[in-house]
Amino acid sequence: MSAPTLERPAGPTTGGGRRVRSTRASSAPGVVAGRTLGGRARGGLLGLLAWIVGLAFFAPVAWMVLTSFHSETDAATNPPSIFAPLTLDGYANFFGANSGASPWPPLINSATASVVSTLLVLCLALPAAYALSIRPVQKWSDVMFFFLSTKMLPMVAGLLPIYLIASRIGALDSVGLLIVLYTSMNLPIAVWMMRSFLAEIPVEILEAAALDGASLPSIFRRVIIPISGPGLAATALICFIFSWNELLFASVLTSTQAFTAPVFLTSFVTSQGLFLAKVCAAAVAVSFPVLVAGFAAQDKLVQGLSLGAVK
């Protein structure tokens, strides 16, 4: 008995018995090519749109930087003088060449309050996020909602009680008061972010470290912190930016000794008028530390936010 032979199935035939050529195979390359070209066109349009949006957001910053290098006469012209001669008079005025007011004390106050409060936030948020993610407590969602509800209160609503308490204990016009306020202000968002980062760590790694005899501080130092490094960097950068840019508490609770860089920046807007070149130079100088920190940690920030903070 001969073995059955496998034959390719015949295509459809017409009434006279002739085969009809299938058009699916012949049309497939054209369809694929059309889809590829369409996908490339959509990708190109989306990329062009992203560039337009990015330039629209960057245009005011570029205009501020350009105006800071112009003289007051060229900065006040209408329409603006784009190709006017460049000068450093605005930065000289910011650093007290004419007025004698030094910007270094407010810059040091801002740096001290921002850096110290950011370190305190990380030290407090990391154990809290560990308890809410890797070793979850009961009703952890209620705890997270409580943290989030503290950000719903407008800052100005708590300004008067804070002022009265600080006045009673003699803490007005001190950097320590700003550190406490900035720490409490940034702690809820830090706990939310750190919980999302730590939730991505496999529990098996921590269990293996515990079986090897590592204590909880060793697990934090050797396992959790290295793995969640991008998340820590993203959280630290955001808390630093929020602290550096804060104006309301600093303008009301400080006067002469502990006023910060944003408060010093508002002093350039006087009753004599708005000097655009000097104000833009001061704004660029005050924004420079934040821009440097963001540029230095941009890879960690993107990696950290994509790790789970925006889920």
C-alpha atoms as a PDB file:
ATOM      1  CA  MET A   1       0.000   0.000   0.000  1.00  0.00           C
ATOM      2  CA  SER A   2       1.596   3.238  -1.128  1.00  0.00           C
ATOM      3  CA  ALA A   3       1.965   6.143   1.287  1.00  0.00           C
ATOM      4  CA  PRO A   4      -0.425   9.043   0.756  1.00  0.00           C
ATOM      5  CA  THR A   5       1.076  12.048  -0.907  1.00  0.00           C
ATOM      6  CA  LEU A   6       0.569  15.574   0.355  1.00  0.00           C
ATOM      7  CA  GLU A   7      -0.646  17.975  -2.305  1.00  0.00           C
ATOM      8  CA  ARG A   8      -1.041  21.744  -2.036  1.00  0.00           C
ATOM      9  CA  PRO A   9      -4.742  22.492  -2.018  1.00  0.00           C
ATOM     10  CA  ALA A  10      -5.995  23.864  -5.257  1.00  0.00           C
ATOM     11  CA  GLY A  11      -7.259  27.382  -5.423  1.00  0.00           C
ATOM     12  CA  PRO A  12     -10.808  28.253  -6.356  1.00  0.00           C
ATOM     13  CA  THR A  13     -11.938  27.490  -9.889  1.00  0.00           C
ATOM     14  CA  THR A  14     -14.384  29.029 -12.226  1.00  0.00           C
ATOM     15  CA  GLY A  15     -17.263  27.289 -13.742  1.00  0.00           C
ATOM     16  CA  GLY A  16     -15.082  26.026 -16.628  1.00  0.00           C
ATOM     17  CA  GLY A  17     -12.597  24.398 -14.311  1.00  0.00           C
ATOM     18  CA  ARG A  18      -9.934  27.071 -14.598  1.00  0.00           C
ATOM     19  CA  ARG A  19      -8.135  28.130 -11.448  1.00  0.00           C
ATOM     20  CA  VAL A  20      -8.558  31.625 -10.136  1.00  0.00           C
ATOM     21  CA  ARG A  21      -5.314  33.209  -8.905  1.00  0.00           C
ATOM     22  CA  SER A  22      -5.531  34.318  -5.313  1.00  0.00           C
ATOM     23  CA  THR A  23      -4.996  38.045  -4.868  1.00  0.00           C
ATOM     24  CA  ARG A  24      -4.105  37.847  -1.148  1.00  0.00           C
ATOM     25  CA  ALA A  25      -0.450  36.927  -1.649  1.00  0.00           C
ATOM     26  CA  SER A  26       0.097  39.414  -4.447  1.00  0.00           C
ATOM     27  CA  SER A  27      -1.461  42.284  -2.536  1.00  0.00           C
ATOM     28  CA  ALA A  28       0.219  41.569   0.850  1.00  0.00           C
ATOM     29  CA  PRO A  29       3.554  43.367   0.107  1.00  0.00           C
ATOM     30  CA  GLY A  30       1.718  46.480  -1.005  1.00  0.00           C
ATOM     31  CA  VAL A  31      -0.446  46.489   2.107  1.00  0.00           C
ATOM     32  CA  VAL A  32       2.557  46.028   4.373  1.00  0.00           C
ATOM     33  CA  ALA A  33       4.455  48.781   2.575  1.00  0.00           C
ATOM     34  CA  GLY A  34       1.458  51.109   2.843  1.00  0.00           C
ATOM     35  CA  ARG A  35       1.142  50.433   6.544  1.00  0.00           C
ATOM     36  CA  THR A  36       4.875  51.007   7.048  1.00  0.00           C
ATOM     37  CA  LEU A  37       4.762  54.333   5.199  1.00  0.00           C
ATOM     38  CA  GLY A  38       1.650  55.350   7.112  1.00  0.00           C
ATOM     39  CA  GLY A  39       3.290  54.489  10.433  1.00  0.00           C
ATOM     40  CA  ARG A  40       6.411  56.445   9.501  1.00  0.00           C
ATOM     41  CA  ALA A  41       4.317  59.434   8.468  1.00  0.00           C
ATOM     42  CA  ARG A  42       2.404  59.389  11.756  1.00  0.00           C
ATOM     43  CA  GLY A  43       5.646  59.012  13.682  1.00  0.00           C
ATOM     44  CA  GLY A  44       7.154  61.944  11.813  1.00  0.00           C
ATOM     45  CA  LEU A  45       4.111  64.127  12.491  1.00  0.00           C
ATOM     46  CA  LEU A  46       4.136  63.204  16.182  1.00  0.00           C
ATOM     47  CA  GLY A  47       7.848  63.965  16.372  1.00  0.00           C
ATOM     48  CA  LEU A  48       7.317  67.334  14.684  1.00  0.00           C
ATOM     49  CA  LEU A  49       4.463  68.101  17.072  1.00  0.00           C
ATOM     50  CA  ALA A  50       6.659  67.181  20.048  1.00  0.00           C
ATOM     51  CA  TRP A  51       9.375  69.528  18.812  1.00  0.00           C
ATOM     52  CA  ILE A  52       6.858  72.358  18.357  1.00  0.00           C
ATOM     53  CA  VAL A  53       5.463  71.867  21.872  1.00  0.00           C
ATOM     54  CA  GLY A  54       8.964  71.644  23.342  1.00  0.00           C
ATOM     55  CA  LEU A  55      10.073  74.830  21.613  1.00  0.00           C
ATOM     56  CA  ALA A  56       6.885  76.590  22.747  1.00  0.00           C
ATOM     57  CA  PHE A  57       7.711  75.731  26.360  1.00  0.00           C
ATOM     58  CA  PHE A  58      11.387  76.636  25.920  1.00  0.00           C
ATOM     59  CA  ALA A  59      10.759  79.945  24.126  1.00  0.00           C
ATOM     60  CA  PRO A  60       9.996  81.996  27.297  1.00  0.00           C
ATOM     61  CA  VAL A  61      13.115  80.649  29.006  1.00  0.00           C
ATOM     62  CA  ALA A  62      15.254  81.461  25.963  1.00  0.00           C
ATOM     63  CA  TRP A  63      13.727  84.933  25.784  1.00  0.00           C
ATOM     64  CA  MET A  64      14.452  85.510  29.485  1.00  0.00           C
ATOM     65  CA  VAL A  65      18.094  84.466  29.049  1.00  0.00           C
ATOM     66  CA  LEU A  66      18.502  86.676  25.962  1.00  0.00           C
ATOM     67  CA  THR A  67      16.920  89.680  27.687  1.00  0.00           C
ATOM     68  CA  SER A  68      19.236  89.249  30.678  1.00  0.00           C
ATOM     69  CA  PHE A  69      22.197  90.059  28.392  1.00  0.00           C
ATOM     70  CA  HIS A  70      20.644  93.272  27.046  1.00  0.00           C
ATOM     71  CA  SER A  71      20.793  96.756  28.446  1.00  0.00           C
ATOM     72  CA  GLU A  72      17.705  98.279  30.047  1.00  0.00           C
ATOM     73  CA  THR A  73      17.152 100.524  27.022  1.00  0.00           C
ATOM     74  CA  ASP A  74      17.238  97.634  24.546  1.00  0.00           C
ATOM     75  CA  ALA A  75      15.143  95.405  26.802  1.00  0.00           C
ATOM     76  CA  ALA A  76      12.366  98.021  27.045  1.00  0.00           C
ATOM     77  CA  THR A  77      11.980  98.611  23.303  1.00  0.00           C
ATOM     78  CA  ASN A  78       8.743  97.695  21.564  1.00  0.00           C
ATOM     79  CA  PRO A  79       9.056  95.598  19.452  1.00  0.00           C
ATOM     80  CA  PRO A  80      11.929  93.947  21.329  1.00  0.00           C
ATOM     81  CA  SER A  81      15.457  94.249  19.979  1.00  0.00           C
ATOM     82  CA  ILE A  82      16.559  90.684  19.375  1.00  0.00           C
ATOM     83  CA  PHE A  83      19.921  91.538  17.843  1.00  0.00           C
ATOM     84  CA  ALA A  84      20.801  94.294  20.326  1.00  0.00           C
ATOM     85  CA  PRO A  85      24.348  94.404  21.739  1.00  0.00           C
ATOM     86  CA  LEU A  86      25.001  92.029  24.617  1.00  0.00           C
ATOM     87  CA  THR A  87      26.153  93.182  28.023  1.00  0.00           C
ATOM     88  CA  LEU A  88      26.618  91.848  31.552  1.00  0.00           C
ATOM     89  CA  ASP A  89      25.192  94.888  33.317  1.00  0.00           C
ATOM     90  CA  GLY A  90      22.114  92.976  34.489  1.00  0.00           C
ATOM     91  CA  TYR A  91      24.224  90.322  36.227  1.00  0.00           C
ATOM     92  CA  ALA A  92      26.493  93.002  37.679  1.00  0.00           C
ATOM     93  CA  ASN A  93      23.436  94.676  39.189  1.00  0.00           C
ATOM     94  CA  PHE A  94      22.206  91.348  40.551  1.00  0.00           C
ATOM     95  CA  PHE A  95      25.502  90.738  42.340  1.00  0.00           C
ATOM     96  CA  GLY A  96      25.390  94.215  43.874  1.00  0.00           C
ATOM     97  CA  ALA A  97      27.735  96.210  41.645  1.00  0.00           C
ATOM     98  CA  ASN A  98      25.563  99.342  41.927  1.00  0.00           C
ATOM     99  CA  SER A  99      23.218  98.710  44.851  1.00  0.00           C
ATOM    100  CA  GLY A 100      25.674  96.936  47.150  1.00  0.00           C
ATOM    101  CA  ALA A 101      23.107  94.242  48.055  1.00  0.00           C
ATOM    102  CA  SER A 102      24.804  90.841  47.999  1.00  0.00           C
ATOM    103  CA  PRO A 103      22.731  87.853  46.744  1.00  0.00           C
ATOM    104  CA  TRP A 104      24.882  85.274  48.527  1.00  0.00           C
ATOM    105  CA  PRO A 105      23.054  85.227  51.916  1.00  0.00           C
ATOM    106  CA  PRO A 106      19.634  84.452  50.368  1.00  0.00           C
ATOM    107  CA  LEU A 107      21.189  81.923  47.995  1.00  0.00           C
ATOM    108  CA  ILE A 108      22.923  80.191  50.910  1.00  0.00           C
ATOM    109  CA  ASN A 109      19.677  80.216  52.910  1.00  0.00           C
ATOM    110  CA  SER A 110      17.777  78.641  50.004  1.00  0.00           C
ATOM    111  CA  ALA A 111      20.464  76.023  49.460  1.00  0.00           C
ATOM    112  CA  THR A 112      20.594  75.141  53.157  1.00  0.00           C
ATOM    113  CA  ALA A 113      16.830  74.862  53.570  1.00  0.00           C
ATOM    114  CA  SER A 114      16.373  72.922  50.320  1.00  0.00           C
ATOM    115  CA  VAL A 115      19.227  70.440  50.762  1.00  0.00           C
ATOM    116  CA  VAL A 116      18.644  69.711  54.455  1.00  0.00           C
ATOM    117  CA  SER A 117      14.870  69.360  54.036  1.00  0.00           C
ATOM    118  CA  THR A 118      15.368  67.044  51.046  1.00  0.00           C
ATOM    119  CA  LEU A 119      17.697  64.795  53.048  1.00  0.00           C
ATOM    120  CA  LEU A 120      15.217  64.686  55.928  1.00  0.00           C
ATOM    121  CA  VAL A 121      12.382  63.856  53.538  1.00  0.00           C
ATOM    122  CA  LEU A 122      14.325  60.934  52.070  1.00  0.00           C
ATOM    123  CA  CYS A 123      15.242  59.614  55.526  1.00  0.00           C
ATOM    124  CA  LEU A 124      11.589  59.720  56.624  1.00  0.00           C
ATOM    125  CA  ALA A 125       9.911  58.685  53.356  1.00  0.00           C
ATOM    126  CA  LEU A 126      12.017  55.580  52.718  1.00  0.00           C
ATOM    127  CA  PRO A 127      10.985  53.641  55.874  1.00  0.00           C
ATOM    128  CA  ALA A 128       7.363  54.775  55.456  1.00  0.00           C
ATOM    129  CA  ALA A 129       7.316  53.626  51.833  1.00  0.00           C
ATOM    130  CA  TYR A 130       8.905  50.311  52.871  1.00  0.00           C
ATOM    131  CA  ALA A 131       6.121  49.738  55.407  1.00  0.00           C
ATOM    132  CA  LEU A 132       3.443  50.602  52.847  1.00  0.00           C
ATOM    133  CA  SER A 133       4.804  48.572  49.925  1.00  0.00           C
ATOM    134  CA  ILE A 134       7.122  45.681  50.812  1.00  0.00           C
ATOM    135  CA  ARG A 135       5.753  45.066  54.323  1.00  0.00           C
ATOM    136  CA  PRO A 136       2.262  46.541  53.920  1.00  0.00           C
ATOM    137  CA  VAL A 137       0.380  47.517  57.039  1.00  0.00           C
ATOM    138  CA  GLN A 138      -3.349  47.044  57.473  1.00  0.00           C
ATOM    139  CA  LYS A 139      -5.512  49.505  55.544  1.00  0.00           C
ATOM    140  CA  TRP A 140      -2.467  50.929  53.815  1.00  0.00           C
ATOM    141  CA  SER A 141      -4.705  52.572  51.198  1.00  0.00           C
ATOM    142  CA  ASP A 142      -6.315  54.683  53.947  1.00  0.00           C
ATOM    143  CA  VAL A 143      -2.848  55.736  55.084  1.00  0.00           C
ATOM    144  CA  MET A 144      -1.908  56.750  51.543  1.00  0.00           C
ATOM    145  CA  PHE A 145      -5.116  58.739  51.196  1.00  0.00           C
ATOM    146  CA  PHE A 146      -4.345  60.517  54.455  1.00  0.00           C
ATOM    147  CA  PHE A 147      -0.928  61.499  53.114  1.00  0.00           C
ATOM    148  CA  LEU A 148      -2.540  62.776  49.930  1.00  0.00           C
ATOM    149  CA  SER A 149      -5.260  64.674  51.797  1.00  0.00           C
ATOM    150  CA  THR A 150      -2.614  66.835  53.479  1.00  0.00           C
ATOM    151  CA  LYS A 151      -1.744  68.272  50.043  1.00  0.00           C
ATOM    152  CA  MET A 152      -5.355  69.303  49.448  1.00  0.00           C
ATOM    153  CA  LEU A 153      -5.199  72.056  52.066  1.00  0.00           C
ATOM    154  CA  PRO A 154      -4.177  75.400  50.519  1.00  0.00           C
ATOM    155  CA  MET A 155      -0.885  76.649  51.903  1.00  0.00           C
ATOM    156  CA  VAL A 156      -2.330  80.060  52.683  1.00  0.00           C
ATOM    157  CA  ALA A 157      -4.991  78.454  54.921  1.00  0.00           C
ATOM    158  CA  GLY A 158      -2.338  77.222  57.342  1.00  0.00           C
ATOM    159  CA  LEU A 159      -0.172  80.328  57.162  1.00  0.00           C
ATOM    160  CA  LEU A 160      -1.754  82.216  60.082  1.00  0.00           C
ATOM    161  CA  PRO A 161      -1.590  79.320  62.610  1.00  0.00           C
ATOM    162  CA  ILE A 162       2.003  78.597  61.588  1.00  0.00           C
ATOM    163  CA  TYR A 163       2.912  82.254  61.991  1.00  0.00           C
ATOM    164  CA  LEU A 164       1.345  82.429  65.467  1.00  0.00           C
ATOM    165  CA  ILE A 165       3.050  79.231  66.634  1.00  0.00           C
ATOM    166  CA  ALA A 166       6.420  80.315  65.246  1.00  0.00           C
ATOM    167  CA  SER A 167       6.012  83.717  66.891  1.00  0.00           C
ATOM    168  CA  ARG A 168       5.212  82.149  70.281  1.00  0.00           C
ATOM    169  CA  ILE A 169       8.261  79.868  70.239  1.00  0.00           C
ATOM    170  CA  GLY A 170      10.580  82.506  68.769  1.00  0.00           C
ATOM    171  CA  ALA A 171      11.242  80.669  65.502  1.00  0.00           C
ATOM    172  CA  LEU A 172      10.449  83.473  63.087  1.00  0.00           C
ATOM    173  CA  ASP A 173      13.132  84.534  60.608  1.00  0.00           C
ATOM    174  CA  SER A 174      15.113  81.316  60.966  1.00  0.00           C
ATOM    175  CA  VAL A 175      16.287  78.753  58.442  1.00  0.00           C
ATOM    176  CA  GLY A 176      15.360  75.959  60.852  1.00  0.00           C
ATOM    177  CA  LEU A 177      11.685  76.900  60.609  1.00  0.00           C
ATOM    178  CA  LEU A 178      11.872  76.730  56.811  1.00  0.00           C
ATOM    179  CA  ILE A 179      13.533  73.313  57.001  1.00  0.00           C
ATOM    180  CA  VAL A 180      10.702  71.948  59.166  1.00  0.00           C
ATOM    181  CA  LEU A 181       8.035  73.441  56.908  1.00  0.00           C
ATOM    182  CA  TYR A 182       9.647  72.242  53.686  1.00  0.00           C
ATOM    183  CA  THR A 183      10.101  68.752  55.132  1.00  0.00           C
ATOM    184  CA  SER A 184       6.443  68.489  56.132  1.00  0.00           C
ATOM    185  CA  MET A 185       5.381  70.006  52.819  1.00  0.00           C
ATOM    186  CA  ASN A 186       7.301  67.514  50.639  1.00  0.00           C
ATOM    187  CA  LEU A 187       6.919  64.385  52.777  1.00  0.00           C
ATOM    188  CA  PRO A 188       3.481  63.263  51.438  1.00  0.00           C
ATOM    189  CA  ILE A 189       4.477  63.395  47.771  1.00  0.00           C
ATOM    190  CA  ALA A 190       7.787  61.696  48.607  1.00  0.00           C
ATOM    191  CA  VAL A 191       6.008  58.807  50.342  1.00  0.00           C
ATOM    192  CA  TRP A 192       3.690  58.386  47.366  1.00  0.00           C
ATOM    193  CA  MET A 193       6.578  58.315  44.910  1.00  0.00           C
ATOM    194  CA  MET A 194       8.820  56.067  46.993  1.00  0.00           C
ATOM    195  CA  ARG A 195       6.037  53.563  47.550  1.00  0.00           C
ATOM    196  CA  SER A 196       5.627  53.190  43.784  1.00  0.00           C
ATOM    197  CA  PHE A 197       9.376  52.672  43.387  1.00  0.00           C
ATOM    198  CA  LEU A 198       9.736  50.137  46.197  1.00  0.00           C
ATOM    199  CA  ALA A 199       6.687  48.196  45.008  1.00  0.00           C
ATOM    200  CA  GLU A 200       8.695  47.302  41.876  1.00  0.00           C
ATOM    201  CA  ILE A 201      11.438  45.558  43.877  1.00  0.00           C
ATOM    202  CA  PRO A 202      11.005  41.737  43.817  1.00  0.00           C
ATOM    203  CA  VAL A 203      10.292  40.422  47.285  1.00  0.00           C
ATOM    204  CA  GLU A 204      12.387  37.316  46.539  1.00  0.00           C
ATOM    205  CA  ILE A 205      15.566  39.430  46.567  1.00  0.00           C
ATOM    206  CA  LEU A 206      14.796  40.717  50.041  1.00  0.00           C
ATOM    207  CA  GLU A 207      13.884  37.245  51.281  1.00  0.00           C
ATOM    208  CA  ALA A 208      17.163  35.856  49.914  1.00  0.00           C
ATOM    209  CA  ALA A 209      19.106  38.593  51.695  1.00  0.00           C
ATOM    210  CA  ALA A 210      17.254  37.830  54.938  1.00  0.00           C
ATOM    211  CA  LEU A 211      18.029  34.110  54.592  1.00  0.00           C
ATOM    212  CA  ASP A 212      21.702  34.986  54.191  1.00  0.00           C
ATOM    213  CA  GLY A 213      21.573  36.634  57.609  1.00  0.00           C
ATOM    214  CA  ALA A 214      21.352  40.294  56.573  1.00  0.00           C
ATOM    215  CA  SER A 215      19.660  42.552  59.072  1.00  0.00           C
ATOM    216  CA  LEU A 216      17.058  45.131  58.090  1.00  0.00           C
ATOM    217  CA  PRO A 217      19.544  48.064  58.060  1.00  0.00           C
ATOM    218  CA  SER A 218      21.883  45.983  55.892  1.00  0.00           C
ATOM    219  CA  ILE A 219      19.022  45.167  53.517  1.00  0.00           C
ATOM    220  CA  PHE A 220      18.242  48.867  53.252  1.00  0.00           C
ATOM    221  CA  ARG A 221      21.873  49.804  52.659  1.00  0.00           C
ATOM    222  CA  ARG A 222      22.925  46.979  50.330  1.00  0.00           C
ATOM    223  CA  VAL A 223      19.723  46.009  48.499  1.00  0.00           C
ATOM    224  CA  ILE A 224      16.891  48.529  48.636  1.00  0.00           C
ATOM    225  CA  ILE A 225      18.857  51.753  48.203  1.00  0.00           C
ATOM    226  CA  PRO A 226      20.986  50.546  45.225  1.00  0.00           C
ATOM    227  CA  ILE A 227      17.964  49.097  43.414  1.00  0.00           C
ATOM    228  CA  SER A 228      15.764  52.129  44.056  1.00  0.00           C
ATOM    229  CA  GLY A 229      18.539  54.607  43.265  1.00  0.00           C
ATOM    230  CA  PRO A 230      16.740  56.181  40.263  1.00  0.00           C
ATOM    231  CA  GLY A 231      13.594  56.553  42.345  1.00  0.00           C
ATOM    232  CA  LEU A 232      15.514  58.204  45.162  1.00  0.00           C
ATOM    233  CA  ALA A 233      17.154  60.593  42.703  1.00  0.00           C
ATOM    234  CA  ALA A 234      13.805  61.518  41.135  1.00  0.00           C
ATOM    235  CA  THR A 235      12.199  62.076  44.526  1.00  0.00           C
ATOM    236  CA  ALA A 236      15.146  64.122  45.788  1.00  0.00           C
ATOM    237  CA  LEU A 237      15.153  66.323  42.690  1.00  0.00           C
ATOM    238  CA  ILE A 238      11.429  67.051  42.879  1.00  0.00           C
ATOM    239  CA  CYS A 239      11.597  67.840  46.607  1.00  0.00           C
ATOM    240  CA  PHE A 240      14.607  70.090  46.022  1.00  0.00           C
ATOM    241  CA  ILE A 241      12.802  71.996  43.267  1.00  0.00           C
ATOM    242  CA  PHE A 242       9.671  72.448  45.396  1.00  0.00           C
ATOM    243  CA  SER A 243      11.750  73.727  48.321  1.00  0.00           C
ATOM    244  CA  TRP A 244      13.910  76.028  46.224  1.00  0.00           C
ATOM    245  CA  ASN A 245      10.925  77.635  44.473  1.00  0.00           C
ATOM    246  CA  GLU A 246       8.769  78.110  47.595  1.00  0.00           C
ATOM    247  CA  LEU A 247       7.870  81.781  48.126  1.00  0.00           C
ATOM    248  CA  LEU A 248       4.798  82.131  50.359  1.00  0.00           C
ATOM    249  CA  PHE A 249       6.217  80.810  53.645  1.00  0.00           C
ATOM    250  CA  ALA A 250       9.603  82.384  53.032  1.00  0.00           C
ATOM    251  CA  SER A 251       8.176  85.843  52.340  1.00  0.00           C
ATOM    252  CA  VAL A 252       5.872  85.865  55.409  1.00  0.00           C
ATOM    253  CA  LEU A 253       7.928  83.990  57.998  1.00  0.00           C
ATOM    254  CA  THR A 254      11.324  85.571  57.265  1.00  0.00           C
ATOM    255  CA  SER A 255      12.483  89.177  57.197  1.00  0.00           C
ATOM    256  CA  THR A 256      16.203  89.964  57.296  1.00  0.00           C
ATOM    257  CA  GLN A 257      18.233  86.923  58.398  1.00  0.00           C
ATOM    258  CA  ALA A 258      16.638  83.908  56.698  1.00  0.00           C
ATOM    259  CA  PHE A 259      14.979  85.278  53.558  1.00  0.00           C
ATOM    260  CA  THR A 260      15.549  83.045  50.543  1.00  0.00           C
ATOM    261  CA  ALA A 261      16.454  83.557  46.893  1.00  0.00           C
ATOM    262  CA  PRO A 262      12.829  83.840  45.618  1.00  0.00           C
ATOM    263  CA  VAL A 263      12.163  86.546  48.196  1.00  0.00           C
ATOM    264  CA  PHE A 264      15.332  88.334  47.133  1.00  0.00           C
ATOM    265  CA  LEU A 265      14.167  88.060  43.522  1.00  0.00           C
ATOM    266  CA  THR A 266      10.916  89.888  44.300  1.00  0.00           C
ATOM    267  CA  SER A 267      12.915  92.855  45.609  1.00  0.00           C
ATOM    268  CA  PHE A 268      13.917  93.703  42.041  1.00  0.00           C
ATOM    269  CA  VAL A 269      10.304  94.685  41.275  1.00  0.00           C
ATOM    270  CA  THR A 270      10.170  98.177  42.788  1.00  0.00           C
ATOM    271  CA  SER A 271       7.803 101.125  42.713  1.00  0.00           C
ATOM    272  CA  GLN A 272      10.188 102.900  40.354  1.00  0.00           C
ATOM    273  CA  GLY A 273       9.284 100.502  37.575  1.00  0.00           C
ATOM    274  CA  LEU A 274      10.062  97.086  36.160  1.00  0.00           C
ATOM    275  CA  PHE A 275      13.651  96.880  34.920  1.00  0.00           C
ATOM    276  CA  LEU A 276      13.419  93.932  32.556  1.00  0.00           C
ATOM    277  CA  ALA A 277      17.115  93.269  32.020  1.00  0.00           C
ATOM    278  CA  LYS A 278      17.901  93.268  35.730  1.00  0.00           C
ATOM    279  CA  VAL A 279      14.869  91.144  36.616  1.00  0.00           C
ATOM    280  CA  CYS A 280      15.673  88.603  33.876  1.00  0.00           C
ATOM    281  CA  ALA A 281      19.308  88.416  35.006  1.00  0.00           C
ATOM    282  CA  ALA A 282      18.189  87.801  38.584  1.00  0.00           C
ATOM    283  CA  ALA A 283      15.684  85.159  37.447  1.00  0.00           C
ATOM    284  CA  VAL A 284      18.345  83.329  35.428  1.00  0.00           C
ATOM    285  CA  ALA A 285      20.795  83.418  38.334  1.00  0.00           C
ATOM    286  CA  VAL A 286      18.202  82.128  40.810  1.00  0.00           C
ATOM    287  CA  SER A 287      17.026  79.404  38.414  1.00  0.00           C
ATOM    288  CA  PHE A 288      20.550  78.271  37.565  1.00  0.00           C
ATOM    289  CA  PRO A 289      21.025  75.793  40.491  1.00  0.00           C
ATOM    290  CA  VAL A 290      17.727  74.086  39.717  1.00  0.00           C
ATOM    291  CA  LEU A 291      18.544  73.862  36.004  1.00  0.00           C
ATOM    292  CA  VAL A 292      21.960  72.387  36.767  1.00  0.00           C
ATOM    293  CA  ALA A 293      20.481  69.828  39.173  1.00  0.00           C
ATOM    294  CA  GLY A 294      17.794  68.848  36.668  1.00  0.00           C
ATOM    295  CA  PHE A 295      20.288  68.523  33.821  1.00  0.00           C
ATOM    296  CA  ALA A 296      22.686  66.466  35.921  1.00  0.00           C
ATOM    297  CA  ALA A 297      19.961  64.065  37.090  1.00  0.00           C
ATOM    298  CA  GLN A 298      17.779  63.979  33.985  1.00  0.00           C
ATOM    299  CA  ASP A 299      18.565  60.319  33.189  1.00  0.00           C
ATOM    300  CA  LYS A 300      17.823  59.295  36.773  1.00  0.00           C
ATOM    301  CA  LEU A 301      14.665  61.400  36.763  1.00  0.00           C
ATOM    302  CA  VAL A 302      13.269  59.796  33.597  1.00  0.00           C
ATOM    303  CA  GLN A 303      14.281  56.316  34.731  1.00  0.00           C
ATOM    304  CA  GLY A 304      12.818  56.876  38.167  1.00  0.00           C
ATOM    305  CA  LEU A 305       9.512  58.263  36.963  1.00  0.00           C
ATOM    306  CA  SER A 306       9.120  55.450  34.439  1.00  0.00           C
ATOM    307  CA  LEU A 307       9.840  52.888  37.186  1.00  0.00           C
ATOM    308  CA  GLY A 308       6.362  53.211  38.590  1.00  0.00           C
ATOM    309  CA  ALA A 309       5.712  56.699  39.901  1.00  0.00           C
ATOM    310  CA  VAL A 310       3.352  57.582  37.069  1.00  0.00           C
ATOM    311  CA  LYS A 311       1.317  54.411  37.107  1.00  0.00           C
END
